[in-house]
Amino acid sequence: MNVLVVGGGAREHALLWKLAASSRVGRLCCAPGNAGTELLGENLSIAVNDFDGLARAVEARGIDLVVVGPEDPLSRGLADFLQQRGHLVFGPTAAAAQIESSKAWAKEIMTETGVPTARAVVCHSAAEALDAVYDAPLPLVIKADGLAAGKGVVVCQTRDEADTAVRWMMEDGALGGAARTLLVEECLNGVEVSCLAVTDGETVLPLLPACDYKRIHDGDLGPNTGGMGAYSPPGFLDDSTIRAVLDDVIAPVIQGMARREIVYRGVLYAGLMMTRTGPKVIEFNCRLGDPETQVILPLLDSDLLTLCEATARGELASHPGLAWFPGACVGVVLASGGYPGPHTTGHVIHGLDAVPGDAVVFHAGTTRRGHDIVTAGGRVLTAVGHGADMTSAREAAYDTAREISFADMHYRSDIALRELEPAP
């Protein structure tokens, strides 16, 4: 089968890397891709939201399956657009992608289906949101309803902070249309975990859970980012808890959408807080996570192409189920200095040829300039180590990170450390 992966980050590099391992794969393409994906297939200079350009590429190159990585094209209806033209797509329709593109809609579905989540007030004006802020217990969370590239969630310890966040989003228009509606939400306490599952709208196959690190600095300090690292599987989640998440969170949401005549095909990602009263949903995503994908796919001992095809065709019931390699994976994101704020690019990356055998490096913000690979974004690379246990996986990831360098490179030093030194 000829496959096109849509996207240009480390998640898409990981997808291409795993698809390339299939005995059934033919031509591999990535749009727009990066300096890592070009080593596995053909990079196409087509933006993820250029639907006409993507359709022309699918038809010109005889693509049999399109795998969509990012949420933005899914929320805009890329799966619908391609399916209407007779193409097979792994990824939900725009109606199903509302589970991520509208937090208010997701809350409505969760309330309807009894899924445990944080209490929230949906507000359609700054005045309404400010009233809710002064009625809500502290701390609280201000969330933009729409997609905001990781900038739409602010945890507020004081009412002044919440007031500022509301005005910044709604009155200053900092997030554009994403913040026309806001949620003033209860702040949940606990350990955060990502639970992902592949579904064709009826059958559900769970992926391994993972833990993501959002803050830029060690100790979860500093501003939120797109993710500074991840590890899988977390030791604090047992099989019974994972089963409870499938039964009480994933399945009810899929069934709730089905009652609305929305068939969900792709990955449903539940971001959970493990509270003292059990898991509660922080958010849903309509796609694989980044950097979670980079630590989950190396552990997958099943054919990814077969899985994606069966999902896209609605034939997941006939899939034999997923197998997993033993051990653990740790991924460390190597970022540009200044990220998630202003940062420079174009710096030569050194050390990519010195990657140890028990590790892999997935590219994100990279491009080729002559014979050099240079930085081209905020999150540049994910160094991933696989080991028999979390200790060896972590050592492999950090050994790899230390082999690589570029100007102003920054990374966290505490990814997966809590698995080795659990807090009381």
Foldseek 3Di string as FASTA:
>chain_A
DEEEEEDAFLLSLLVLVQLLPDPPYDAYEYEQYAPSVVVRHHHDPDHNQPLVVVLVVCVVVVHQEYEYFDLPNQLVASCVSNVVVVHFYFFFGNVLQLLFFFVVVVVVLCVVLVFFAWDKDKAQALVRQLVVLVVDDPFKWKAQGGDQQFPGIDTHRDSVVSNVSSCVVHVVVVRPPSRSMMMTTDDADAAKKKWKWFALLPDIATFWIKHFQFAFEPPNDHDGHLTFKMKPDFPVDDPVLSVCCCVRPVVSSSVSVVVVVGGQGHMKMFIWGQHPVGTHGPGIGRYDGVPVSVWGSVFWPDRPVVSSNCRSVVNCVPPPGTDTHAFMKIKGWKFAAPPVHDGDWDWFKPQQVVQDPQKDKGAGQWHDDPPTIIGHDGGGIIIMGTDNYPVRRLVSSVVSVVRMDTPRIDIYPCHVVCSVVPDD
